[in-house]
Amino acid sequence: MITIARVYDYRGQTGAISVLVDRVWPRGVTKEKAGVDLWIKEIAPSDDLRKWFNHEDSKWTEFRRKYFAELDGRMEIVRALRGVSKGGNMVLLYSARNTVHNNAVALKEYLETHLDTAPVDPGALN
């Protein structure tokens, strides 16, 4: 099962691996307090896409379309994340203030629709 949580509010979840899916480390959060098991910068939207979107609700549909296209081009990372998620529960952590429209929400949707079609490759994260 894949869930999402804002890194600033996350307090850990027993039996789940936590994956930070932002390109930059969250401000004001130490690595010790974050509770992050894995940080995958490469799964985050490109800097250009992230800056264009700027968490504007009106751009959500187009952001998802563009982000999904980026993810289609990063299948080795998607496969690796699939390998991580096959081990049990996974929490996608993000830092955005917008809890409804952010890259973790879009990534969760993408993974739930693509997990069965992407072969597992956990070695891509090394």
C-alpha atoms as a PDB file:
ATOM      1  CA  MET A   1       0.000   0.000   0.000  1.00  0.00           C
ATOM      2  CA  ILE A   2       1.214   3.485  -0.872  1.00  0.00           C
ATOM      3  CA  THR A   3       0.324   6.467   1.304  1.00  0.00           C
ATOM      4  CA  ILE A   4       1.532  10.050   1.305  1.00  0.00           C
ATOM      5  CA  ALA A   5       2.467  12.417   4.114  1.00  0.00           C
ATOM      6  CA  ARG A   6       3.913  15.878   4.508  1.00  0.00           C
ATOM      7  CA  VAL A   7       7.461  15.459   5.807  1.00  0.00           C
ATOM      8  CA  TYR A   8       6.935  18.191   8.413  1.00  0.00           C
ATOM      9  CA  ASP A   9       4.059  16.207   9.951  1.00  0.00           C
ATOM     10  CA  TYR A  10       5.403  12.672   9.509  1.00  0.00           C
ATOM     11  CA  ARG A  11       6.152  10.749  12.703  1.00  0.00           C
ATOM     12  CA  GLY A  12       6.993   7.380  11.211  1.00  0.00           C
ATOM     13  CA  GLN A  13       4.844   4.422  10.423  1.00  0.00           C
ATOM     14  CA  THR A  14       5.631   0.945  11.698  1.00  0.00           C
ATOM     15  CA  GLY A  15       6.364  -1.491   8.916  1.00  0.00           C
ATOM     16  CA  ALA A  16       6.500   1.166   6.193  1.00  0.00           C
ATOM     17  CA  ILE A  17       9.450   2.479   4.223  1.00  0.00           C
ATOM     18  CA  SER A  18       9.436   6.262   3.923  1.00  0.00           C
ATOM     19  CA  VAL A  19      10.622   7.803   0.663  1.00  0.00           C
ATOM     20  CA  LEU A  20      11.222  11.529   0.212  1.00  0.00           C
ATOM     21  CA  VAL A  21      10.164  12.345  -3.361  1.00  0.00           C
ATOM     22  CA  ASP A  22      11.205  16.011  -3.540  1.00  0.00           C
ATOM     23  CA  ARG A  23      14.151  17.271  -5.572  1.00  0.00           C
ATOM     24  CA  VAL A  24      15.402  19.474  -2.711  1.00  0.00           C
ATOM     25  CA  TRP A  25      15.678  18.663   0.982  1.00  0.00           C
ATOM     26  CA  PRO A  26      12.876  20.273   3.065  1.00  0.00           C
ATOM     27  CA  ARG A  27      13.853  23.489   4.824  1.00  0.00           C
ATOM     28  CA  GLY A  28      14.333  23.338   8.561  1.00  0.00           C
ATOM     29  CA  VAL A  29      14.172  19.544   8.823  1.00  0.00           C
ATOM     30  CA  THR A  30      17.194  17.565   9.952  1.00  0.00           C
ATOM     31  CA  LYS A  31      17.792  14.156   8.463  1.00  0.00           C
ATOM     32  CA  GLU A  32      17.421  12.639  11.920  1.00  0.00           C
ATOM     33  CA  LYS A  33      13.996  14.229  12.540  1.00  0.00           C
ATOM     34  CA  ALA A  34      12.653  13.609   9.023  1.00  0.00           C
ATOM     35  CA  GLY A  35      12.380   9.850   9.437  1.00  0.00           C
ATOM     36  CA  VAL A  36      13.295   9.334   5.783  1.00  0.00           C
ATOM     37  CA  ASP A  37      14.491   5.862   4.842  1.00  0.00           C
ATOM     38  CA  LEU A  38      15.221   6.734   1.214  1.00  0.00           C
ATOM     39  CA  TRP A  39      15.525   9.999  -0.736  1.00  0.00           C
ATOM     40  CA  ILE A  40      14.943   9.685  -4.468  1.00  0.00           C
ATOM     41  CA  LYS A  41      15.531  13.118  -6.019  1.00  0.00           C
ATOM     42  CA  GLU A  42      15.356  11.686  -9.530  1.00  0.00           C
ATOM     43  CA  ILE A  43      11.679  10.740  -9.168  1.00  0.00           C
ATOM     44  CA  ALA A  44      10.684  14.355  -8.520  1.00  0.00           C
ATOM     45  CA  PRO A  45       9.472  16.657 -11.295  1.00  0.00           C
ATOM     46  CA  SER A  46      12.171  18.489 -13.226  1.00  0.00           C
ATOM     47  CA  ASP A  47      13.132  21.924 -11.920  1.00  0.00           C
ATOM     48  CA  ASP A  48      11.465  23.573 -14.921  1.00  0.00           C
ATOM     49  CA  LEU A  49       8.199  21.695 -14.362  1.00  0.00           C
ATOM     50  CA  ARG A  50       8.253  22.272 -10.607  1.00  0.00           C
ATOM     51  CA  LYS A  51       8.799  26.022 -11.043  1.00  0.00           C
ATOM     52  CA  TRP A  52       6.144  26.274 -13.771  1.00  0.00           C
ATOM     53  CA  PHE A  53       3.540  24.454 -11.661  1.00  0.00           C
ATOM     54  CA  ASN A  54       4.240  26.452  -8.482  1.00  0.00           C
ATOM     55  CA  HIS A  55       1.432  24.473  -6.760  1.00  0.00           C
ATOM     56  CA  GLU A  56      -1.223  26.459  -8.619  1.00  0.00           C
ATOM     57  CA  ASP A  57      -4.475  24.512  -8.555  1.00  0.00           C
ATOM     58  CA  SER A  58      -5.427  25.751 -12.029  1.00  0.00           C
ATOM     59  CA  LYS A  59      -2.345  24.034 -13.500  1.00  0.00           C
ATOM     60  CA  TRP A  60      -2.937  20.660 -11.796  1.00  0.00           C
ATOM     61  CA  THR A  61      -4.260  18.715 -14.784  1.00  0.00           C
ATOM     62  CA  GLU A  62      -1.501  19.935 -17.089  1.00  0.00           C
ATOM     63  CA  PHE A  63       1.133  19.373 -14.381  1.00  0.00           C
ATOM     64  CA  ARG A  64       0.033  15.749 -13.988  1.00  0.00           C
ATOM     65  CA  ARG A  65       0.174  15.180 -17.739  1.00  0.00           C
ATOM     66  CA  LYS A  66       3.674  16.661 -18.018  1.00  0.00           C
ATOM     67  CA  TYR A  67       4.940  14.909 -14.885  1.00  0.00           C
ATOM     68  CA  PHE A  68       3.603  11.541 -16.046  1.00  0.00           C
ATOM     69  CA  ALA A  69       5.435  12.065 -19.352  1.00  0.00           C
ATOM     70  CA  GLU A  70       8.637  12.745 -17.404  1.00  0.00           C
ATOM     71  CA  LEU A  71       8.096   9.591 -15.352  1.00  0.00           C
ATOM     72  CA  ASP A  72       7.554   7.581 -18.537  1.00  0.00           C
ATOM     73  CA  GLY A  73      11.089   8.609 -19.473  1.00  0.00           C
ATOM     74  CA  ARG A  74      12.499   7.526 -16.092  1.00  0.00           C
ATOM     75  CA  MET A  75      11.274   3.948 -16.004  1.00  0.00           C
ATOM     76  CA  GLU A  76      14.454   2.672 -14.345  1.00  0.00           C
ATOM     77  CA  ILE A  77      13.643   4.779 -11.271  1.00  0.00           C
ATOM     78  CA  VAL A  78       9.951   3.812 -11.419  1.00  0.00           C
ATOM     79  CA  ARG A  79      10.976   0.136 -11.532  1.00  0.00           C
ATOM     80  CA  ALA A  80      13.299   0.641  -8.577  1.00  0.00           C
ATOM     81  CA  LEU A  81      10.556   2.339  -6.578  1.00  0.00           C
ATOM     82  CA  ARG A  82       8.279  -0.548  -7.475  1.00  0.00           C
ATOM     83  CA  GLY A  83      10.882  -2.887  -5.988  1.00  0.00           C
ATOM     84  CA  VAL A  84      10.870  -0.877  -2.776  1.00  0.00           C
ATOM     85  CA  SER A  85       7.078  -0.921  -2.578  1.00  0.00           C
ATOM     86  CA  LYS A  86       6.837  -4.683  -3.123  1.00  0.00           C
ATOM     87  CA  GLY A  87       8.401  -5.136   0.299  1.00  0.00           C
ATOM     88  CA  GLY A  88       5.306  -3.788   2.040  1.00  0.00           C
ATOM     89  CA  ASN A  89       3.865  -0.381   2.800  1.00  0.00           C
ATOM     90  CA  MET A  90       5.494   2.758   1.450  1.00  0.00           C
ATOM     91  CA  VAL A  91       4.984   6.391   2.474  1.00  0.00           C
ATOM     92  CA  LEU A  92       5.788   9.062  -0.119  1.00  0.00           C
ATOM     93  CA  LEU A  93       6.990  12.153   1.722  1.00  0.00           C
ATOM     94  CA  TYR A  94       6.775  15.693   0.325  1.00  0.00           C
ATOM     95  CA  SER A  95       7.293  19.201   1.693  1.00  0.00           C
ATOM     96  CA  ALA A  96       4.755  21.324  -0.221  1.00  0.00           C
ATOM     97  CA  ARG A  97       2.160  23.280   1.715  1.00  0.00           C
ATOM     98  CA  ASN A  98      -0.524  22.291  -0.775  1.00  0.00           C
ATOM     99  CA  THR A  99      -1.664  18.895   0.489  1.00  0.00           C
ATOM    100  CA  VAL A 100      -4.068  18.255  -2.389  1.00  0.00           C
ATOM    101  CA  HIS A 101      -2.022  19.210  -5.462  1.00  0.00           C
ATOM    102  CA  ASN A 102       1.635  18.228  -5.154  1.00  0.00           C
ATOM    103  CA  ASN A 103       4.119  15.865  -6.774  1.00  0.00           C
ATOM    104  CA  ALA A 104       3.597  13.096  -4.176  1.00  0.00           C
ATOM    105  CA  VAL A 105      -0.144  12.985  -4.899  1.00  0.00           C
ATOM    106  CA  ALA A 106       0.563  12.772  -8.639  1.00  0.00           C
ATOM    107  CA  LEU A 107       3.338  10.197  -8.142  1.00  0.00           C
ATOM    108  CA  LYS A 108       1.074   7.990  -6.026  1.00  0.00           C
ATOM    109  CA  GLU A 109      -1.533   8.063  -8.791  1.00  0.00           C
ATOM    110  CA  TYR A 110       1.112   7.251 -11.404  1.00  0.00           C
ATOM    111  CA  LEU A 111       2.564   4.378  -9.372  1.00  0.00           C
ATOM    112  CA  GLU A 112      -0.830   2.865  -8.658  1.00  0.00           C
ATOM    113  CA  THR A 113      -1.605   2.768 -12.368  1.00  0.00           C
ATOM    114  CA  HIS A 114       1.880   1.708 -13.528  1.00  0.00           C
ATOM    115  CA  LEU A 115       3.202  -0.628 -10.828  1.00  0.00           C
ATOM    116  CA  ASP A 116       1.938  -3.767 -12.489  1.00  0.00           C
ATOM    117  CA  THR A 117       3.385  -2.810 -15.878  1.00  0.00           C
ATOM    118  CA  ALA A 118       6.876  -1.781 -14.753  1.00  0.00           C
ATOM    119  CA  PRO A 119       9.272  -4.690 -14.109  1.00  0.00           C
ATOM    120  CA  VAL A 120      11.078  -4.601 -10.773  1.00  0.00           C
ATOM    121  CA  ASP A 121      14.653  -3.227 -10.752  1.00  0.00           C
ATOM    122  CA  PRO A 122      15.721  -2.386  -7.165  1.00  0.00           C
ATOM    123  CA  GLY A 123      19.356  -2.100  -8.303  1.00  0.00           C
ATOM    124  CA  ALA A 124      18.634   1.194 -10.088  1.00  0.00           C
ATOM    125  CA  LEU A 125      18.620   3.044  -6.756  1.00  0.00           C
ATOM    126  CA  ASN A 126      22.251   2.140  -6.019  1.00  0.00           C
END
